[in-house]
Every structure is written in C-alpha cells, then in structure tokens.
C-alpha cells in the first residue's frame, strides 16, 4: 500500500513499480501460522480467582437483566394484542 500524495488516500502499488516477492511454500506457511499462534498464546493473561468471580457475576447479572427485559416486553405485547384483537369467544 502506498499513500497518495494529493489527497492522502491509501492505494495499492502498481505491479510495475516493484517486483513481486516470492511466497513461501504451503508447509512453510503452516509452520509460520503455528508459530504465530503460540506467540499470541504467550500474550494471554489468565484472570485471578477474584477477577473470574467478578466477571462471572457481571455476565450473570447482565443475563438476568436482559431476561427481565424480554419477559416484560413479552407481557406488554401479549396485553397489547389482547386489547387490539380481543379474546376469541371459544377461549
């Protein structure tokens, strides 16, 4: 990618500007991918026990709030459809 001078836009280089780099082989790309995966896994920080309980509590609290919201909306829509369409005579 090259930055275009007048407008500052990013554009692709033309093929004629520079020779194309040779791609590594299939197995070399797989090996590179695996090395990169392990490098990223080394960066992962596991939470402490206290953080884990706090995060779990936050998620469970959010789920309970969302369940209450959906339940409330369901009751509202049931009431609204009953008011608009009425109750069938057979029910």
PDB file of N, CA and C in Angstrom:
ATOM      1  N   UNK A   1       0.831  -1.171   0.000  1.00  0.00           N
ATOM      2  CA  UNK A   1       0.000   0.000   0.000  1.00  0.00           C
ATOM      3  C   UNK A   1       0.886   1.249   0.000  1.00  0.00           C
ATOM      4  N   UNK A   2       0.449   2.241  -0.719  1.00  0.00           N
ATOM      5  CA  UNK A   2       1.170   3.495  -0.831  1.00  0.00           C
ATOM      6  C   UNK A   2       0.196   4.624  -0.552  1.00  0.00           C
ATOM      7  N   UNK A   3       0.677   5.677   0.082  1.00  0.00           N
ATOM      8  CA  UNK A   3      -0.196   6.815   0.336  1.00  0.00           C
ATOM      9  C   UNK A   3      -0.143   7.760  -0.850  1.00  0.00           C
ATOM     10  N   UNK A   4      -1.316   8.105  -1.364  1.00  0.00           N
ATOM     11  CA  UNK A   4      -1.444   9.009  -2.499  1.00  0.00           C
ATOM     12  C   UNK A   4      -1.128  10.424  -2.008  1.00  0.00           C
ATOM     13  N   UNK A   5      -0.275  11.144  -2.693  1.00  0.00           N
ATOM     14  CA  UNK A   5       0.186  12.458  -2.255  1.00  0.00           C
ATOM     15  C   UNK A   5      -0.915  13.518  -2.161  1.00  0.00           C
ATOM     16  N   UNK A   6      -1.668  13.813  -3.229  1.00  0.00           N
ATOM     17  CA  UNK A   6      -2.573  14.956  -3.175  1.00  0.00           C
ATOM     18  C   UNK A   6      -3.699  14.814  -2.140  1.00  0.00           C
ATOM     19  N   UNK A   7      -4.332  13.674  -2.071  1.00  0.00           N
ATOM     20  CA  UNK A   7      -5.497  13.545  -1.198  1.00  0.00           C
ATOM     21  C   UNK A   7      -5.203  12.765   0.075  1.00  0.00           C
ATOM     22  N   UNK A   8      -4.073  12.153   0.186  1.00  0.00           N
ATOM     23  CA  UNK A   8      -3.726  11.375   1.358  1.00  0.00           C
ATOM     24  C   UNK A   8      -4.416  10.030   1.430  1.00  0.00           C
ATOM     25  N   UNK A   9      -4.941   9.535   0.306  1.00  0.00           N
ATOM     26  CA  UNK A   9      -5.619   8.249   0.294  1.00  0.00           C
ATOM     27  C   UNK A   9      -4.612   7.123   0.153  1.00  0.00           C
ATOM     28  N   UNK A  10      -4.980   5.974   0.689  1.00  0.00           N
ATOM     29  CA  UNK A  10      -4.114   4.802   0.590  1.00  0.00           C
ATOM     30  C   UNK A  10      -4.541   4.008  -0.637  1.00  0.00           C
ATOM     31  N   UNK A  11      -3.576   3.743  -1.506  1.00  0.00           N
ATOM     32  CA  UNK A  11      -3.859   2.996  -2.729  1.00  0.00           C
ATOM     33  C   UNK A  11      -2.857   1.867  -2.863  1.00  0.00           C
ATOM     34  N   UNK A  12      -3.205   0.868  -3.653  1.00  0.00           N
ATOM     35  CA  UNK A  12      -2.315  -0.270  -3.875  1.00  0.00           C
ATOM     36  C   UNK A  12      -1.205   0.124  -4.832  1.00  0.00           C
ATOM     37  N   UNK A  13      -0.031  -0.462  -4.607  1.00  0.00           N
ATOM     38  CA  UNK A  13       1.082  -0.232  -5.525  1.00  0.00           C
ATOM     39  C   UNK A  13       0.784  -0.896  -6.849  1.00  0.00           C
ATOM     40  N   UNK A  14       1.296  -0.304  -7.909  1.00  0.00           N
ATOM     41  CA  UNK A  14       1.132  -0.941  -9.203  1.00  0.00           C
ATOM     42  C   UNK A  14       2.142  -2.088  -9.320  1.00  0.00           C
ATOM     43  N   UNK A  15       1.823  -3.067 -10.111  1.00  0.00           N
ATOM     44  CA  UNK A  15       2.690  -4.238 -10.272  1.00  0.00           C
ATOM     45  C   UNK A  15       4.030  -3.875 -10.916  1.00  0.00           C
ATOM     46  N   UNK A  16       4.048  -2.809 -11.694  1.00  0.00           N
ATOM     47  CA  UNK A  16       5.259  -2.431 -12.404  1.00  0.00           C
ATOM     48  C   UNK A  16       6.248  -1.704 -11.499  1.00  0.00           C
ATOM     49  N   UNK A  17       5.788  -1.177 -10.365  1.00  0.00           N
ATOM     50  CA  UNK A  17       6.655  -0.373  -9.511  1.00  0.00           C
ATOM     51  C   UNK A  17       7.755  -1.219  -8.864  1.00  0.00           C
ATOM     52  N   UNK A  18       7.398  -2.406  -8.369  1.00  0.00           N
ATOM     53  CA  UNK A  18       8.394  -3.248  -7.707  1.00  0.00           C
ATOM     54  C   UNK A  18       8.112  -4.700  -8.057  1.00  0.00           C
ATOM     55  N   UNK A  19       9.160  -5.519  -8.138  1.00  0.00           N
ATOM     56  CA  UNK A  19       8.925  -6.933  -8.432  1.00  0.00           C
ATOM     57  C   UNK A  19       8.204  -7.602  -7.264  1.00  0.00           C
ATOM     58  N   UNK A  20       7.407  -8.579  -7.588  1.00  0.00           N
ATOM     59  CA  UNK A  20       6.613  -9.266  -6.575  1.00  0.00           C
ATOM     60  C   UNK A  20       7.502 -10.201  -5.765  1.00  0.00           C
ATOM     61  N   UNK A  21       7.245 -10.216  -4.425  1.00  0.00           N
ATOM     62  CA  UNK A  21       8.028 -11.097  -3.559  1.00  0.00           C
ATOM     63  C   UNK A  21       7.548 -12.534  -3.725  1.00  0.00           C
ATOM     64  N   UNK A  22       8.485 -13.469  -3.557  1.00  0.00           N
ATOM     65  CA  UNK A  22       8.137 -14.879  -3.686  1.00  0.00           C
ATOM     66  C   UNK A  22       7.426 -15.345  -2.417  1.00  0.00           C
ATOM     67  N   UNK A  23       6.286 -16.037  -2.595  1.00  0.00           N
ATOM     68  CA  UNK A  23       5.529 -16.566  -1.462  1.00  0.00           C
ATOM     69  C   UNK A  23       6.196 -17.822  -0.935  1.00  0.00           C
ATOM     70  N   UNK A  24       6.164 -17.991   0.402  1.00  0.00           N
ATOM     71  CA  UNK A  24       6.713 -19.242   0.952  1.00  0.00           C
ATOM     72  C   UNK A  24       5.808 -20.411   0.596  1.00  0.00           C
ATOM     73  N   UNK A  25       6.336 -21.611   0.714  1.00  0.00           N
ATOM     74  CA  UNK A  25       5.588 -22.813   0.361  1.00  0.00           C
ATOM     75  C   UNK A  25       4.440 -23.084   1.324  1.00  0.00           C
ATOM     76  N   UNK A  26       3.629 -24.069   0.980  1.00  0.00           N
ATOM     77  CA  UNK A  26       2.444 -24.420   1.748  1.00  0.00           C
ATOM     78  C   UNK A  26       2.799 -24.789   3.182  1.00  0.00           C
ATOM     79  N   UNK A  27       3.771 -25.695   3.366  1.00  0.00           N
ATOM     80  CA  UNK A  27       4.134 -26.143   4.707  1.00  0.00           C
ATOM     81  C   UNK A  27       4.851 -25.050   5.485  1.00  0.00           C
ATOM     82  N   UNK A  28       5.581 -24.189   4.803  1.00  0.00           N
ATOM     83  CA  UNK A  28       6.237 -23.065   5.479  1.00  0.00           C
ATOM     84  C   UNK A  28       5.189 -22.100   6.023  1.00  0.00           C
ATOM     85  N   UNK A  29       4.100 -21.895   5.262  1.00  0.00           N
ATOM     86  CA  UNK A  29       3.026 -21.016   5.748  1.00  0.00           C
ATOM     87  C   UNK A  29       2.311 -21.628   6.942  1.00  0.00           C
ATOM     88  N   UNK A  30       2.127 -22.952   6.931  1.00  0.00           N
ATOM     89  CA  UNK A  30       1.500 -23.614   8.075  1.00  0.00           C
ATOM     90  C   UNK A  30       2.390 -23.489   9.310  1.00  0.00           C
ATOM     91  N   UNK A  31       3.682 -23.707   9.146  1.00  0.00           N
ATOM     92  CA  UNK A  31       4.617 -23.586  10.265  1.00  0.00           C
ATOM     93  C   UNK A  31       4.624 -22.161  10.805  1.00  0.00           C
ATOM     94  N   UNK A  32       4.602 -21.177   9.918  1.00  0.00           N
ATOM     95  CA  UNK A  32       4.566 -19.775  10.340  1.00  0.00           C
ATOM     96  C   UNK A  32       3.293 -19.492  11.129  1.00  0.00           C
ATOM     97  N   UNK A  33       2.166 -20.004  10.646  1.00  0.00           N
ATOM     98  CA  UNK A  33       0.893 -19.809  11.335  1.00  0.00           C
ATOM     99  C   UNK A  33       0.953 -20.395  12.747  1.00  0.00           C
ATOM    100  N   UNK A  34       1.488 -21.607  12.887  1.00  0.00           N
ATOM    101  CA  UNK A  34       1.557 -22.252  14.201  1.00  0.00           C
ATOM    102  C   UNK A  34       2.470 -21.465  15.135  1.00  0.00           C
ATOM    103  N   UNK A  35       3.597 -20.982  14.619  1.00  0.00           N
ATOM    104  CA  UNK A  35       4.490 -20.152  15.447  1.00  0.00           C
ATOM    105  C   UNK A  35       3.779 -18.883  15.905  1.00  0.00           C
ATOM    106  N   UNK A  36       3.008 -18.266  15.022  1.00  0.00           N
ATOM    107  CA  UNK A  36       2.282 -17.057  15.385  1.00  0.00           C
ATOM    108  C   UNK A  36       1.195 -17.343  16.413  1.00  0.00           C
ATOM    109  N   UNK A  37       0.543 -18.502  16.316  1.00  0.00           N
ATOM    110  CA  UNK A  37      -0.474 -18.879  17.297  1.00  0.00           C
ATOM    111  C   UNK A  37       0.162 -19.016  18.675  1.00  0.00           C
ATOM    112  N   UNK A  38       1.292 -19.710  18.766  1.00  0.00           N
ATOM    113  CA  UNK A  38       1.957 -19.864  20.054  1.00  0.00           C
ATOM    114  C   UNK A  38       2.449 -18.521  20.591  1.00  0.00           C
ATOM    115  N   UNK A  39       2.910 -17.642  19.717  1.00  0.00           N
ATOM    116  CA  UNK A  39       3.349 -16.313  20.162  1.00  0.00           C
ATOM    117  C   UNK A  39       2.174 -15.531  20.745  1.00  0.00           C
ATOM    118  N   UNK A  40       1.005 -15.635  20.127  1.00  0.00           N
ATOM    119  CA  UNK A  40      -0.177 -14.944  20.649  1.00  0.00           C
ATOM    120  C   UNK A  40      -0.638 -15.565  21.964  1.00  0.00           C
ATOM    121  N   UNK A  41      -0.548 -16.896  22.075  1.00  0.00           N
ATOM    122  CA  UNK A  41      -0.969 -17.559  23.315  1.00  0.00           C
ATOM    123  C   UNK A  41      -0.069 -17.174  24.487  1.00  0.00           C
ATOM    124  N   UNK A  42       1.196 -16.853  24.217  1.00  0.00           N
ATOM    125  CA  UNK A  42       2.087 -16.412  25.292  1.00  0.00           C
ATOM    126  C   UNK A  42       1.663 -15.056  25.838  1.00  0.00           C
ATOM    127  N   UNK A  43       0.931 -14.278  25.048  1.00  0.00           N
ATOM    128  CA  UNK A  43       0.484 -12.949  25.478  1.00  0.00           C
ATOM    129  C   UNK A  43      -0.778 -13.002  26.345  1.00  0.00           C
ATOM    130  N   UNK A  44      -1.457 -14.149  26.367  1.00  0.00           N
ATOM    131  CA  UNK A  44      -2.715 -14.261  27.098  1.00  0.00           C
ATOM    132  C   UNK A  44      -2.448 -14.197  28.595  1.00  0.00           C
ATOM    133  N   UNK A  45      -3.251 -13.392  29.289  1.00  0.00           N
ATOM    134  CA  UNK A  45      -3.134 -13.270  30.731  1.00  0.00           C
ATOM    135  C   UNK A  45      -4.372 -13.914  31.348  1.00  0.00           C
ATOM    136  N   UNK A  46      -4.188 -14.924  32.180  1.00  0.00           N
ATOM    137  CA  UNK A  46      -5.329 -15.571  32.821  1.00  0.00           C
ATOM    138  C   UNK A  46      -5.775 -14.736  34.011  1.00  0.00           C
ATOM    139  N   UNK A  47      -7.086 -14.598  34.206  1.00  0.00           N
ATOM    140  CA  UNK A  47      -7.572 -13.788  35.324  1.00  0.00           C
ATOM    141  C   UNK A  47      -7.341 -14.486  36.663  1.00  0.00           C
ATOM    142  N   UNK A  48      -7.257 -13.673  37.717  1.00  0.00           N
ATOM    143  CA  UNK A  48      -7.138 -14.236  39.057  1.00  0.00           C
ATOM    144  C   UNK A  48      -8.493 -14.804  39.467  1.00  0.00           C
ATOM    145  N   UNK A  49      -8.515 -15.532  40.573  1.00  0.00           N
ATOM    146  CA  UNK A  49      -9.771 -16.112  41.047  1.00  0.00           C
ATOM    147  C   UNK A  49     -10.799 -15.022  41.342  1.00  0.00           C
ATOM    148  N   UNK A  50     -10.355 -13.932  41.950  1.00  0.00           N
ATOM    149  CA  UNK A  50     -11.260 -12.820  42.284  1.00  0.00           C
ATOM    150  C   UNK A  50     -11.818 -12.179  41.009  1.00  0.00           C
ATOM    151  N   UNK A  51     -10.962 -11.960  40.017  1.00  0.00           N
ATOM    152  CA  UNK A  51     -11.426 -11.376  38.749  1.00  0.00           C
ATOM    153  C   UNK A  51     -12.412 -12.307  38.048  1.00  0.00           C
ATOM    154  N   UNK A  52     -12.134 -13.606  38.111  1.00  0.00           N
ATOM    155  CA  UNK A  52     -13.008 -14.578  37.464  1.00  0.00           C
ATOM    156  C   UNK A  52     -14.407 -14.544  38.070  1.00  0.00           C
ATOM    157  N   UNK A  53     -14.489 -14.486  39.406  1.00  0.00           N
ATOM    158  CA  UNK A  53     -15.792 -14.407  40.064  1.00  0.00           C
ATOM    159  C   UNK A  53     -16.499 -13.091  39.731  1.00  0.00           C
ATOM    160  N   UNK A  54     -15.734 -12.009  39.665  1.00  0.00           N
ATOM    161  CA  UNK A  54     -16.329 -10.714  39.342  1.00  0.00           C
ATOM    162  C   UNK A  54     -16.874 -10.711  37.915  1.00  0.00           C
ATOM    163  N   UNK A  55     -16.107 -11.212  36.966  1.00  0.00           N
ATOM    164  CA  UNK A  55     -16.555 -11.257  35.560  1.00  0.00           C
ATOM    165  C   UNK A  55     -17.783 -12.154  35.420  1.00  0.00           C
ATOM    166  N   UNK A  56     -17.772 -13.302  36.123  1.00  0.00           N
ATOM    167  CA  UNK A  56     -18.908 -14.216  36.066  1.00  0.00           C
ATOM    168  C   UNK A  56     -20.156 -13.545  36.630  1.00  0.00           C
ATOM    169  N   UNK A  57     -20.007 -12.821  37.730  1.00  0.00           N
ATOM    170  CA  UNK A  57     -21.137 -12.104  38.319  1.00  0.00           C
ATOM    171  C   UNK A  57     -21.696 -11.045  37.394  1.00  0.00           C
ATOM    172  N   UNK A  58     -20.818 -10.333  36.715  1.00  0.00           N
ATOM    173  CA  UNK A  58     -21.265  -9.305  35.778  1.00  0.00           C
ATOM    174  C   UNK A  58     -22.048  -9.937  34.629  1.00  0.00           C
ATOM    175  N   UNK A  59     -21.545 -11.031  34.095  1.00  0.00           N
ATOM    176  CA  UNK A  59     -22.234 -11.703  32.982  1.00  0.00           C
ATOM    177  C   UNK A  59     -23.586 -12.236  33.433  1.00  0.00           C
ATOM    178  N   UNK A  60     -23.631 -12.904  34.581  1.00  0.00           N
ATOM    179  CA  UNK A  60     -24.899 -13.438  35.076  1.00  0.00           C
ATOM    180  C   UNK A  60     -25.888 -12.314  35.381  1.00  0.00           C
ATOM    181  N   UNK A  61     -25.412 -11.213  35.954  1.00  0.00           N
ATOM    182  CA  UNK A  61     -26.284 -10.060  36.208  1.00  0.00           C
ATOM    183  C   UNK A  61     -26.848  -9.500  34.923  1.00  0.00           C
ATOM    184  N   UNK A  62     -26.022  -9.377  33.903  1.00  0.00           N
ATOM    185  CA  UNK A  62     -26.490  -8.868  32.610  1.00  0.00           C
ATOM    186  C   UNK A  62     -27.526  -9.799  32.004  1.00  0.00           C
ATOM    187  N   UNK A  63     -27.299 -11.103  32.102  1.00  0.00           N
ATOM    188  CA  UNK A  63     -28.251 -12.071  31.558  1.00  0.00           C
ATOM    189  C   UNK A  63     -29.589 -11.961  32.282  1.00  0.00           C
ATOM    190  N   UNK A  64     -29.573 -11.817  33.606  1.00  0.00           N
ATOM    191  CA  UNK A  64     -30.818 -11.686  34.367  1.00  0.00           C
ATOM    192  C   UNK A  64     -31.562 -10.419  33.956  1.00  0.00           C
ATOM    193  N   UNK A  65     -30.840  -9.302  33.798  1.00  0.00           N
ATOM    194  CA  UNK A  65     -31.475  -8.045  33.381  1.00  0.00           C
ATOM    195  C   UNK A  65     -32.086  -8.194  31.993  1.00  0.00           C
ATOM    196  N   UNK A  66     -31.385  -8.820  31.073  1.00  0.00           N
ATOM    197  CA  UNK A  66     -31.917  -8.993  29.721  1.00  0.00           C
ATOM    198  C   UNK A  66     -33.121  -9.930  29.720  1.00  0.00           C
ATOM    199  N   UNK A  67     -33.078 -10.984  30.544  1.00  0.00           N
ATOM    200  CA  UNK A  67     -34.232 -11.878  30.646  1.00  0.00           C
ATOM    201  C   UNK A  67     -35.451 -11.125  31.176  1.00  0.00           C
ATOM    202  N   UNK A  68     -35.258 -10.283  32.172  1.00  0.00           N
ATOM    203  CA  UNK A  68     -36.370  -9.497  32.716  1.00  0.00           C
ATOM    204  C   UNK A  68     -36.913  -8.535  31.665  1.00  0.00           C
ATOM    205  N   UNK A  69     -36.037  -7.930  30.885  1.00  0.00           N
ATOM    206  CA  UNK A  69     -36.468  -7.017  29.832  1.00  0.00           C
ATOM    207  C   UNK A  69     -37.296  -7.753  28.773  1.00  0.00           C
ATOM    208  N   UNK A  70     -36.833  -8.908  28.337  1.00  0.00           N
ATOM    209  CA  UNK A  70     -37.562  -9.674  27.326  1.00  0.00           C
ATOM    210  C   UNK A  70     -38.895 -10.161  27.897  1.00  0.00           C
ATOM    211  N   UNK A  71     -38.906 -10.610  29.150  1.00  0.00           N
ATOM    212  CA  UNK A  71     -40.138 -11.058  29.784  1.00  0.00           C
ATOM    213  C   UNK A  71     -41.141  -9.906  29.882  1.00  0.00           C
ATOM    214  N   UNK A  72     -40.657  -8.724  30.279  1.00  0.00           N
ATOM    215  CA  UNK A  72     -41.528  -7.557  30.357  1.00  0.00           C
ATOM    216  C   UNK A  72     -42.093  -7.175  29.000  1.00  0.00           C
ATOM    217  N   UNK A  73     -41.263  -7.191  27.977  1.00  0.00           N
ATOM    218  CA  UNK A  73     -41.749  -6.876  26.625  1.00  0.00           C
ATOM    219  C   UNK A  73     -42.747  -7.925  26.151  1.00  0.00           C
ATOM    220  N   UNK A  74     -42.522  -9.190  26.498  1.00  0.00           N
ATOM    221  CA  UNK A  74     -43.455 -10.252  26.116  1.00  0.00           C
ATOM    222  C   UNK A  74     -44.815 -10.010  26.762  1.00  0.00           C
ATOM    223  N   UNK A  75     -44.829  -9.691  28.054  1.00  0.00           N
ATOM    224  CA  UNK A  75     -46.098  -9.395  28.723  1.00  0.00           C
ATOM    225  C   UNK A  75     -46.790  -8.188  28.106  1.00  0.00           C
ATOM    226  N   UNK A  76     -46.014  -7.168  27.774  1.00  0.00           N
ATOM    227  CA  UNK A  76     -46.575  -5.968  27.149  1.00  0.00           C
ATOM    228  C   UNK A  76     -47.210  -6.296  25.807  1.00  0.00           C
ATOM    229  N   UNK A  77     -46.543  -7.090  24.993  1.00  0.00           N
ATOM    230  CA  UNK A  77     -47.077  -7.424  23.670  1.00  0.00           C
ATOM    231  C   UNK A  77     -48.296  -8.342  23.776  1.00  0.00           C
ATOM    232  N   UNK A  78     -48.307  -9.250  24.757  1.00  0.00           N
ATOM    233  CA  UNK A  78     -49.490 -10.097  24.965  1.00  0.00           C
ATOM    234  C   UNK A  78     -50.673  -9.216  25.348  1.00  0.00           C
ATOM    235  N   UNK A  79     -50.462  -8.302  26.283  1.00  0.00           N
ATOM    236  CA  UNK A  79     -51.537  -7.393  26.704  1.00  0.00           C
ATOM    237  C   UNK A  79     -52.007  -6.542  25.530  1.00  0.00           C
ATOM    238  N   UNK A  80     -51.050  -6.021  24.754  1.00  0.00           N
ATOM    239  CA  UNK A  80     -51.392  -5.151  23.622  1.00  0.00           C
ATOM    240  C   UNK A  80     -52.195  -5.908  22.559  1.00  0.00           C
ATOM    241  N   UNK A  81     -51.802  -7.122  22.233  1.00  0.00           N
ATOM    242  CA  UNK A  81     -52.556  -7.891  21.225  1.00  0.00           C
ATOM    243  C   UNK A  81     -53.927  -8.292  21.752  1.00  0.00           C
ATOM    244  N   UNK A  82     -54.038  -8.542  23.041  1.00  0.00           N
ATOM    245  CA  UNK A  82     -55.344  -8.851  23.624  1.00  0.00           C
ATOM    246  C   UNK A  82     -56.269  -7.641  23.546  1.00  0.00           C
ATOM    247  N   UNK A  83     -55.729  -6.451  23.807  1.00  0.00           N
ATOM    248  CA  UNK A  83     -56.520  -5.233  23.736  1.00  0.00           C
ATOM    249  C   UNK A  83     -56.932  -4.944  22.287  1.00  0.00           C
ATOM    250  N   UNK A  84     -56.007  -5.094  21.356  1.00  0.00           N
ATOM    251  CA  UNK A  84     -56.279  -4.752  19.963  1.00  0.00           C
ATOM    252  C   UNK A  84     -57.212  -5.783  19.323  1.00  0.00           C
ATOM    253  N   UNK A  85     -56.928  -7.074  19.476  1.00  0.00           N
ATOM    254  CA  UNK A  85     -57.697  -8.097  18.769  1.00  0.00           C
ATOM    255  C   UNK A  85     -58.774  -8.746  19.631  1.00  0.00           C
ATOM    256  N   UNK A  86     -58.731  -8.568  20.932  1.00  0.00           N
ATOM    257  CA  UNK A  86     -59.713  -9.169  21.823  1.00  0.00           C
ATOM    258  C   UNK A  86     -59.445 -10.637  22.042  1.00  0.00           C
ATOM    259  N   UNK A  87     -60.235 -11.239  22.924  1.00  0.00           N
ATOM    260  CA  UNK A  87     -60.101 -12.646  23.228  1.00  0.00           C
ATOM    261  C   UNK A  87     -61.140 -13.411  22.419  1.00  0.00           C
ATOM    262  N   UNK A  88     -60.769 -14.507  21.767  1.00  0.00           N
ATOM    263  CA  UNK A  88     -61.756 -15.269  20.985  1.00  0.00           C
ATOM    264  C   UNK A  88     -62.875 -15.797  21.888  1.00  0.00           C
ATOM    265  N   UNK A  89     -64.069 -15.969  21.331  1.00  0.00           N
ATOM    266  CA  UNK A  89     -65.242 -16.399  22.103  1.00  0.00           C
ATOM    267  C   UNK A  89     -65.074 -17.787  22.683  1.00  0.00           C
ATOM    268  N   UNK A  90     -64.386 -18.660  21.986  1.00  0.00           N
ATOM    269  CA  UNK A  90     -64.220 -20.046  22.442  1.00  0.00           C
ATOM    270  C   UNK A  90     -63.213 -20.201  23.554  1.00  0.00           C
ATOM    271  N   UNK A  91     -62.366 -19.230  23.806  1.00  0.00           N
ATOM    272  CA  UNK A  91     -61.288 -19.405  24.777  1.00  0.00           C
ATOM    273  C   UNK A  91     -61.684 -19.019  26.164  1.00  0.00           C
TER     274      UNK A  91
END
